[in-house]
Amino acid sequence: MYNTRLDGLTEYPFQRLTALLGGPAQGNMGPDAVNMSIGEPQHTPPALLHSALAKHQAEWGKYPPTAGSPDFRAAVTAWATHRYGLPAGFLDPERHILPVAGSREGLFMAAQLCIPPDKAGRKPAVLMPNPFYQVYFGAAVMHGADPVYVPADASTGFQPDYTAVAKADLDRAACAYLCTPANPQGAVASLEQLKTLIRLARAHDFVLISDECYSEIYTGAAPAGALQACAELGEGLANVLVLNSLSKRSSVPGLRSGFVAGDADLIAKFSKLRAHGGAVQPLPVLAASAALWRDETHVEDNRAAYRAKIDDAARIFGNQFGFFRPAGGFFLWLDVGDGERAAKHLWAEGRIRVLPGAYLARTANGNNPGQRYIRVALVHDRQTAAGALTRMNDLLGSL
């Protein structure tokens, strides 16, 4: 016997990609291949990571607490307060912050926390942008809710307009996911959009789960965040959970270190849930994470490296394939007419692996908003990325 909700899960995008291309799985593609399908940062991790881990190596032999260390929570609180201009004391490290093993774990468990058996006498719903990070869909299905796909295409500025959702679905919504900057399109929700969404969540009593793991990679102004919107609304953190991690900010995806912040009642329940089934970070990881949250120099260098690669992409593609500079994140969202066809061609002719946009979206009202696109991750060093983008431009032009 097994949980039959698993039957409702589709294959993960990278499994579908392997089936499409018929080649080896990622990580075993040969020396001439460039894998631009996955958002796995390849920049060199900052040196302070290694020194912090070494300094705390004696603590590998201790069980860490579910709530993390006081130093970790203090570092995250200080970072968020400074980054978003929060009033002093707005975030309480004892009530509003928890560590998570990367944002993916937190995003999945947040749904488990928020989704009740029913809402407004009906099956609960989970609102999500379309396209979307696939964990949102998995979390909804595995916790007994209906995914409600809200368009996030060019017509909406690549961010979902949750105010346009039918009232019946808003009333039965248990939570709504928002990714800003967005994966895959790089669109950023404005401060006013965030305020509107928080008001909507409170009016219909659902939880806004704001996925902000790309918040520190941007080309212009620093993106606003849901904590900032809450502070400006002046009504506390009710109905809001924010997740962020060090994977992209500090180029340490293997550290599996992030945080969830927000509504004190939800954080208390989150702590109880994690005590029963969460992956708790070791004390040396928490110490290294605190050091990374306290340092901005490596983040500025990281951001500059991504900005240079986006500059290269702008020079290479110009106005072809619907190219636009993403406001945040490190993905290109290119309109190639048929994402699957383009991905197969790039792999067969150029040994460049990209992800068809359709694999990040669902067909709704007869339309898959990702079907025309490919997602390209600019995660390699500048020379490798520029070389691959130049080949990509030539190959796409010959389709």
Protein backbone atom coordinates (compact mmCIF):
# COMPACT_ATOMS: atom_id res chain seq x y z
CA MET A 1 0.00 0.00 0.00
CA TYR A 2 1.06 3.59 -0.59
CA ASN A 3 -0.31 7.10 -0.55
CA THR A 4 -2.45 7.26 -3.69
CA ARG A 5 -1.92 11.03 -3.89
CA LEU A 6 1.41 10.13 -5.45
CA ASP A 7 -0.55 9.13 -8.53
CA GLY A 8 -1.47 12.78 -8.96
CA LEU A 9 2.17 13.84 -9.30
CA THR A 10 3.61 14.24 -12.77
CA GLU A 11 7.25 13.56 -13.56
CA TYR A 12 9.64 16.22 -12.35
CA PRO A 13 10.87 18.54 -15.16
CA PHE A 14 14.38 17.08 -15.24
CA GLN A 15 13.04 13.54 -15.53
CA ARG A 16 10.96 14.70 -18.48
CA LEU A 17 14.01 16.39 -19.98
CA THR A 18 16.08 13.20 -19.77
CA ALA A 19 13.28 11.30 -21.48
CA LEU A 20 13.01 13.97 -24.20
CA LEU A 21 16.68 14.16 -25.03
CA GLY A 22 17.41 10.46 -24.68
CA GLY A 23 20.84 11.27 -23.39
CA PRO A 24 22.60 10.75 -20.08
CA ALA A 25 21.18 12.29 -16.93
CA GLN A 26 22.53 15.60 -15.69
CA GLY A 27 26.00 15.40 -14.21
CA ASN A 28 27.13 12.70 -16.70
CA MET A 29 26.89 14.46 -20.04
CA GLY A 30 30.46 14.44 -21.34
CA PRO A 31 33.20 17.08 -21.39
CA ASP A 32 31.83 19.03 -24.35
CA ALA A 33 28.34 19.55 -22.94
CA VAL A 34 27.03 22.62 -21.08
CA ASN A 35 24.12 22.04 -18.74
CA MET A 36 22.06 25.23 -18.67
CA SER A 37 18.84 23.44 -17.71
CA ILE A 38 19.19 23.58 -13.93
CA GLY A 39 19.59 26.58 -11.65
CA GLU A 40 22.60 25.18 -9.80
CA PRO A 41 25.07 28.02 -9.12
CA GLN A 42 28.61 27.19 -10.23
CA HIS A 43 30.36 30.27 -8.85
CA THR A 44 33.11 29.59 -6.32
CA PRO A 45 31.70 29.64 -2.76
CA PRO A 46 33.12 32.38 -0.52
CA ALA A 47 36.21 31.51 1.50
CA LEU A 48 34.52 32.43 4.76
CA LEU A 49 32.28 29.35 4.34
CA HIS A 50 35.24 27.03 4.78
CA SER A 51 36.77 28.96 7.67
CA ALA A 52 33.45 29.02 9.54
CA LEU A 53 32.91 25.28 9.06
CA ALA A 54 36.45 24.53 10.22
CA LYS A 55 36.09 26.78 13.28
CA HIS A 56 33.03 24.81 14.42
CA GLN A 57 34.10 21.30 13.43
CA ALA A 58 33.90 20.06 17.04
CA GLU A 59 30.12 20.57 16.89
CA TRP A 60 29.55 17.87 14.24
CA GLY A 61 29.13 15.50 17.16
CA LYS A 62 26.13 17.34 18.63
CA TYR A 63 22.46 17.09 17.78
CA PRO A 64 21.27 20.53 16.67
CA PRO A 65 18.01 22.06 17.96
CA THR A 66 15.02 22.26 15.62
CA ALA A 67 14.85 26.04 16.04
CA GLY A 68 18.50 26.41 15.05
CA SER A 69 21.06 28.37 17.01
CA PRO A 70 20.38 31.77 18.59
CA ASP A 71 23.28 33.12 16.53
CA PHE A 72 21.71 31.94 13.26
CA ARG A 73 18.35 33.48 14.08
CA ALA A 74 20.02 36.73 15.14
CA ALA A 75 22.02 36.89 11.89
CA VAL A 76 18.92 36.34 9.75
CA THR A 77 16.96 38.90 11.75
CA ALA A 78 19.70 41.49 11.37
CA TRP A 79 20.05 40.80 7.64
CA ALA A 80 16.31 41.05 6.94
CA THR A 81 15.92 44.16 9.09
CA HIS A 82 18.70 45.93 7.21
CA ARG A 83 17.82 44.60 3.75
CA TYR A 84 14.16 45.63 3.92
CA GLY A 85 14.42 48.66 6.18
CA LEU A 86 12.25 47.07 8.87
CA PRO A 87 11.53 48.92 12.12
CA ALA A 88 13.66 47.86 15.06
CA GLY A 89 12.02 44.93 16.82
CA PHE A 90 9.62 44.20 13.96
CA LEU A 91 11.22 40.74 13.64
CA ASP A 92 11.72 38.80 16.86
CA PRO A 93 14.39 36.09 16.36
CA GLU A 94 12.66 33.92 18.98
CA ARG A 95 9.17 34.12 17.44
CA HIS A 96 9.48 34.94 13.76
CA ILE A 97 12.47 32.96 12.38
CA LEU A 98 13.24 29.27 11.78
CA PRO A 99 15.97 27.56 9.76
CA VAL A 100 15.01 25.23 6.92
CA ALA A 101 17.08 22.78 4.90
CA GLY A 102 16.97 24.97 1.80
CA SER A 103 13.87 26.77 0.59
CA ARG A 104 12.45 23.68 -1.16
CA GLU A 105 11.90 21.86 2.14
CA GLY A 106 10.29 24.93 3.63
CA LEU A 107 8.02 25.55 0.65
CA PHE A 108 6.76 21.97 0.74
CA MET A 109 6.26 21.85 4.50
CA ALA A 110 4.51 25.22 4.53
CA ALA A 111 1.66 23.66 2.56
CA GLN A 112 1.47 20.83 5.05
CA LEU A 113 1.17 23.46 7.74
CA CYS A 114 -1.48 25.56 5.98
CA ILE A 115 -3.81 23.18 4.14
CA PRO A 116 -6.83 22.05 6.23
CA PRO A 117 -9.06 19.06 5.40
CA ASP A 118 -11.57 21.50 3.92
CA LYS A 119 -12.02 25.25 3.52
CA ALA A 120 -15.37 27.03 3.30
CA GLY A 121 -17.01 23.59 3.15
CA ARG A 122 -15.10 22.60 0.03
CA LYS A 123 -11.84 20.97 -0.98
CA PRO A 124 -9.07 23.50 -0.26
CA ALA A 125 -7.20 25.21 -3.06
CA VAL A 126 -3.60 26.32 -3.50
CA LEU A 127 -3.05 29.32 -5.76
CA MET A 128 0.12 29.33 -7.82
CA PRO A 129 1.55 31.22 -10.79
CA ASN A 130 1.67 29.47 -14.14
CA PRO A 131 4.56 28.79 -14.96
CA PHE A 132 5.82 27.89 -11.48
CA TYR A 133 8.43 26.14 -9.36
CA GLN A 134 7.24 22.54 -9.38
CA VAL A 135 7.39 22.10 -5.60
CA TYR A 136 4.26 24.27 -5.35
CA PHE A 137 2.29 21.73 -7.37
CA GLY A 138 3.70 18.75 -5.47
CA ALA A 139 2.94 20.34 -2.13
CA ALA A 140 -0.67 21.04 -3.13
CA VAL A 141 -1.33 17.54 -4.47
CA MET A 142 0.37 15.66 -1.64
CA HIS A 143 -1.53 17.65 0.98
CA GLY A 144 -4.96 17.15 -0.56
CA ALA A 145 -5.61 20.49 -2.25
CA ASP A 146 -6.56 21.54 -5.77
CA PRO A 147 -3.88 23.52 -7.61
CA VAL A 148 -5.37 26.70 -9.10
CA TYR A 149 -3.16 27.97 -11.91
CA VAL A 150 -3.04 31.75 -12.30
CA PRO A 151 -1.51 33.10 -15.53
CA ALA A 152 1.94 34.66 -15.19
CA ASP A 153 2.71 35.46 -18.81
CA ALA A 154 3.67 38.53 -20.80
CA SER A 155 0.15 39.92 -20.49
CA THR A 156 0.48 40.07 -16.69
CA GLY A 157 4.12 41.15 -16.57
CA PHE A 158 5.11 37.54 -15.76
CA GLN A 159 3.65 37.84 -12.25
CA PRO A 160 0.25 36.37 -11.29
CA ASP A 161 -2.71 38.65 -10.64
CA TYR A 162 -4.39 36.91 -7.71
CA THR A 163 -7.01 39.64 -7.49
CA ALA A 164 -8.46 38.23 -10.74
CA VAL A 165 -9.07 34.78 -9.21
CA ALA A 166 -12.74 33.83 -8.85
CA LYS A 167 -14.14 34.60 -5.40
CA ALA A 168 -15.15 30.95 -4.91
CA ASP A 169 -11.51 29.91 -5.30
CA LEU A 170 -10.24 32.74 -3.10
CA ASP A 171 -12.64 31.67 -0.37
CA ARG A 172 -11.41 28.07 -0.44
CA ALA A 173 -7.74 29.01 -0.83
CA ALA A 174 -5.53 27.67 1.94
CA CYS A 175 -2.39 29.36 0.63
CA ALA A 176 -0.96 31.17 -2.36
CA TYR A 177 2.59 30.82 -3.62
CA LEU A 178 4.44 33.80 -5.02
CA CYS A 179 7.97 33.71 -6.41
CA THR A 180 9.70 37.09 -6.62
CA PRO A 181 12.00 37.39 -8.47
CA ALA A 182 10.12 34.80 -10.49
CA ASN A 183 11.43 31.43 -11.60
CA PRO A 184 11.59 31.14 -14.60
CA GLN A 185 10.93 34.65 -15.95
CA GLY A 186 12.85 36.89 -13.51
CA ALA A 187 9.91 39.26 -13.00
CA VAL A 188 9.75 41.14 -9.68
CA ALA A 189 6.57 41.91 -7.74
CA SER A 190 6.37 45.57 -6.77
CA LEU A 191 5.89 46.69 -3.20
CA GLU A 192 2.32 47.71 -4.02
CA GLN A 193 1.60 44.31 -5.58
CA LEU A 194 2.87 42.64 -2.42
CA LYS A 195 0.72 44.86 -0.22
CA THR A 196 -2.34 44.08 -2.35
CA LEU A 197 -1.68 40.36 -2.11
CA ILE A 198 -1.22 40.49 1.67
CA ARG A 199 -4.50 42.35 2.05
CA LEU A 200 -6.17 39.73 -0.16
CA ALA A 201 -4.73 36.88 1.93
CA ARG A 202 -6.04 38.44 5.12
CA ALA A 203 -9.46 39.20 3.64
CA HIS A 204 -9.91 35.58 2.51
CA ASP A 205 -7.92 34.01 5.37
CA PHE A 206 -5.25 32.20 3.38
CA VAL A 207 -1.47 32.21 3.82
CA LEU A 208 0.82 34.01 1.42
CA ILE A 209 3.96 31.90 0.97
CA SER A 210 6.51 34.24 -0.59
CA ASP A 211 9.42 32.44 -2.23
CA GLU A 212 12.26 34.99 -2.34
CA CYS A 213 15.29 32.77 -2.91
CA TYR A 214 16.47 34.89 -5.89
CA SER A 215 16.09 38.18 -4.01
CA GLU A 216 19.81 39.03 -3.97
CA ILE A 217 20.46 38.56 -7.70
CA TYR A 218 19.21 41.58 -9.58
CA THR A 219 20.28 43.98 -12.30
CA GLY A 220 18.73 47.24 -11.12
CA ALA A 221 17.04 48.17 -7.85
CA ALA A 222 16.89 45.62 -5.05
CA PRO A 223 13.55 43.76 -5.21
CA ALA A 224 10.95 44.48 -2.55
CA GLY A 225 9.94 41.68 -0.20
CA ALA A 226 6.86 40.56 1.68
CA LEU A 227 8.41 41.41 5.07
CA GLN A 228 8.89 44.98 3.84
CA ALA A 229 5.29 45.10 2.62
CA CYS A 230 4.03 43.87 5.99
CA ALA A 231 6.03 46.52 7.81
CA GLU A 232 4.65 49.29 5.60
CA LEU A 233 1.09 48.06 6.03
CA GLY A 234 1.62 48.33 9.78
CA GLU A 235 -0.48 45.30 10.72
CA GLY A 236 2.20 42.81 11.72
CA LEU A 237 3.01 39.53 9.97
CA ALA A 238 -0.36 37.76 10.04
CA ASN A 239 -1.00 35.33 7.15
CA VAL A 240 2.52 35.68 5.72
CA LEU A 241 5.46 33.30 5.46
CA VAL A 242 8.67 34.30 3.63
CA LEU A 243 11.33 31.84 2.54
CA ASN A 244 14.87 32.54 1.44
CA SER A 245 18.11 30.59 1.26
CA LEU A 246 21.84 30.84 0.70
CA SER A 247 21.90 28.62 -2.40
CA LYS A 248 21.72 31.45 -4.92
CA ARG A 249 22.78 34.38 -2.73
CA SER A 250 26.06 32.74 -1.71
CA SER A 251 26.50 30.04 -4.40
CA VAL A 252 26.24 27.21 -1.87
CA PRO A 253 23.33 24.99 -3.03
CA GLY A 254 24.91 21.98 -1.36
CA LEU A 255 24.84 23.63 2.06
CA ARG A 256 21.03 23.22 2.12
CA SER A 257 20.52 26.22 4.34
CA GLY A 258 17.68 28.72 4.38
CA PHE A 259 15.09 30.28 6.63
CA VAL A 260 11.37 30.84 6.98
CA ALA A 261 10.12 34.06 8.58
CA GLY A 262 6.71 35.46 9.34
CA ASP A 263 3.51 35.06 11.34
CA ALA A 264 4.47 34.03 14.89
CA ASP A 265 1.59 31.55 15.25
CA LEU A 266 2.52 29.87 11.97
CA ILE A 267 6.21 29.79 12.90
CA ALA A 268 5.34 28.08 16.21
CA LYS A 269 3.34 25.45 14.34
CA PHE A 270 6.12 25.15 11.76
CA SER A 271 8.58 24.40 14.57
CA LYS A 272 6.31 21.65 15.89
CA LEU A 273 6.01 20.17 12.40
CA ARG A 274 9.77 20.24 11.80
CA ALA A 275 10.40 18.58 15.15
CA HIS A 276 8.55 15.53 13.83
CA GLY A 277 9.91 15.35 10.31
CA GLY A 278 12.17 18.21 9.29
CA ALA A 279 15.81 17.98 8.24
CA VAL A 280 17.63 19.87 11.00
CA GLN A 281 20.83 21.72 10.09
CA PRO A 282 24.04 20.68 11.88
CA LEU A 283 25.55 23.28 14.19
CA PRO A 284 28.61 23.90 11.94
CA VAL A 285 26.24 24.56 9.01
CA LEU A 286 24.24 26.99 11.14
CA ALA A 287 27.45 28.78 12.16
CA ALA A 288 28.66 29.02 8.55
CA SER A 289 25.21 30.20 7.47
CA ALA A 290 25.20 32.96 10.07
CA ALA A 291 28.59 34.13 8.80
CA LEU A 292 27.29 34.20 5.21
CA TRP A 293 24.16 36.17 6.15
CA ARG A 294 26.39 38.73 7.87
CA ASP A 295 28.65 39.29 4.86
CA GLU A 296 27.62 41.34 1.83
CA THR A 297 30.94 41.59 -0.02
CA HIS A 298 30.69 38.13 -1.55
CA VAL A 299 27.05 38.79 -2.46
CA GLU A 300 27.96 41.97 -4.32
CA ASP A 301 30.67 40.10 -6.24
CA ASN A 302 28.21 37.32 -7.04
CA ARG A 303 25.59 39.78 -8.24
CA ALA A 304 28.14 41.56 -10.45
CA ALA A 305 29.14 38.27 -12.07
CA TYR A 306 25.53 37.49 -12.98
CA ARG A 307 24.98 41.02 -14.25
CA ALA A 308 27.98 40.67 -16.57
CA LYS A 309 26.58 37.42 -18.01
CA ILE A 310 23.21 39.04 -18.62
CA ASP A 311 25.05 41.90 -20.37
CA ASP A 312 26.67 39.28 -22.61
CA ALA A 313 23.29 37.69 -23.30
CA ALA A 314 21.85 41.08 -24.30
CA ARG A 315 24.75 41.63 -26.69
CA ILE A 316 24.44 38.13 -28.20
CA PHE A 317 20.66 37.92 -28.60
CA GLY A 318 19.70 41.57 -29.08
CA ASN A 319 15.97 41.63 -29.77
CA GLN A 320 15.82 38.04 -30.99
CA PHE A 321 13.76 35.28 -29.37
CA GLY A 322 11.84 37.74 -27.24
CA PHE A 323 14.96 38.43 -25.18
CA PHE A 324 14.47 40.75 -22.20
CA ARG A 325 16.70 41.48 -19.24
CA PRO A 326 15.30 39.72 -16.18
CA ALA A 327 14.79 42.11 -13.26
CA GLY A 328 16.04 39.40 -10.91
CA GLY A 329 17.45 35.89 -10.86
CA PHE A 330 19.77 34.28 -13.38
CA PHE A 331 17.42 32.69 -15.92
CA LEU A 332 16.71 33.71 -19.50
CA TRP A 333 13.16 33.05 -20.71
CA LEU A 334 13.46 32.85 -24.49
CA ASP A 335 10.55 32.64 -26.92
CA VAL A 336 11.67 30.06 -29.48
CA GLY A 337 8.25 29.06 -30.83
CA ASP A 338 8.40 25.46 -29.59
CA GLY A 339 10.44 24.83 -26.45
CA GLU A 340 10.69 21.06 -26.79
CA ARG A 341 11.80 21.26 -30.42
CA ALA A 342 14.42 23.89 -29.57
CA ALA A 343 15.73 21.90 -26.61
CA LYS A 344 16.17 18.79 -28.75
CA HIS A 345 17.95 20.78 -31.45
CA LEU A 346 20.32 22.53 -29.03
CA TRP A 347 21.26 19.22 -27.43
CA ALA A 348 21.68 17.28 -30.67
CA GLU A 349 23.63 19.95 -32.53
CA GLY A 350 25.32 21.96 -29.79
CA ARG A 351 25.50 19.78 -26.68
CA ILE A 352 23.69 22.55 -24.81
CA ARG A 353 21.05 21.37 -22.35
CA VAL A 354 18.14 23.74 -21.67
CA LEU A 355 14.70 23.20 -20.18
CA PRO A 356 11.51 23.45 -22.26
CA GLY A 357 9.23 26.03 -20.70
CA ALA A 358 6.22 23.73 -20.98
CA TYR A 359 7.76 21.51 -18.29
CA LEU A 360 7.45 24.38 -15.81
CA ALA A 361 3.78 25.08 -16.51
CA ARG A 362 0.40 23.38 -16.83
CA THR A 363 -2.16 23.59 -19.60
CA ALA A 364 -5.08 25.73 -18.43
CA ASN A 365 -7.97 26.91 -20.61
CA GLY A 366 -6.35 25.11 -23.52
CA ASN A 367 -3.03 26.93 -23.21
CA ASN A 368 0.35 26.04 -21.74
CA PRO A 369 2.02 29.43 -21.15
CA GLY A 370 5.49 27.90 -21.26
CA GLN A 371 5.11 25.99 -24.52
CA ARG A 372 6.88 28.58 -26.69
CA TYR A 373 9.79 29.08 -24.31
CA ILE A 374 13.05 27.63 -23.07
CA ARG A 375 14.61 28.41 -19.70
CA VAL A 376 18.35 29.03 -19.77
CA ALA A 377 20.32 29.10 -16.51
CA LEU A 378 23.35 31.42 -16.51
CA VAL A 379 25.11 29.54 -13.75
CA HIS A 380 28.53 28.84 -15.29
CA ASP A 381 31.57 31.09 -15.44
CA ARG A 382 31.30 34.02 -17.83
CA GLN A 383 33.46 32.54 -20.59
CA THR A 384 31.59 29.21 -20.61
CA ALA A 385 28.20 30.92 -20.54
CA ALA A 386 29.06 33.37 -23.32
CA GLY A 387 30.40 30.59 -25.53
CA ALA A 388 27.27 28.50 -25.03
CA LEU A 389 24.96 31.48 -25.63
CA THR A 390 26.78 32.31 -28.88
CA ARG A 391 26.36 28.73 -30.12
CA MET A 392 22.74 28.79 -28.94
CA ASN A 393 22.04 31.96 -30.89
CA ASP A 394 23.44 30.44 -34.08
CA LEU A 395 21.58 27.16 -33.64
CA LEU A 396 18.25 28.77 -32.81
CA GLY A 397 18.60 31.00 -35.84
CA SER A 398 18.89 27.89 -38.03
CA LEU A 399 15.71 26.26 -36.75
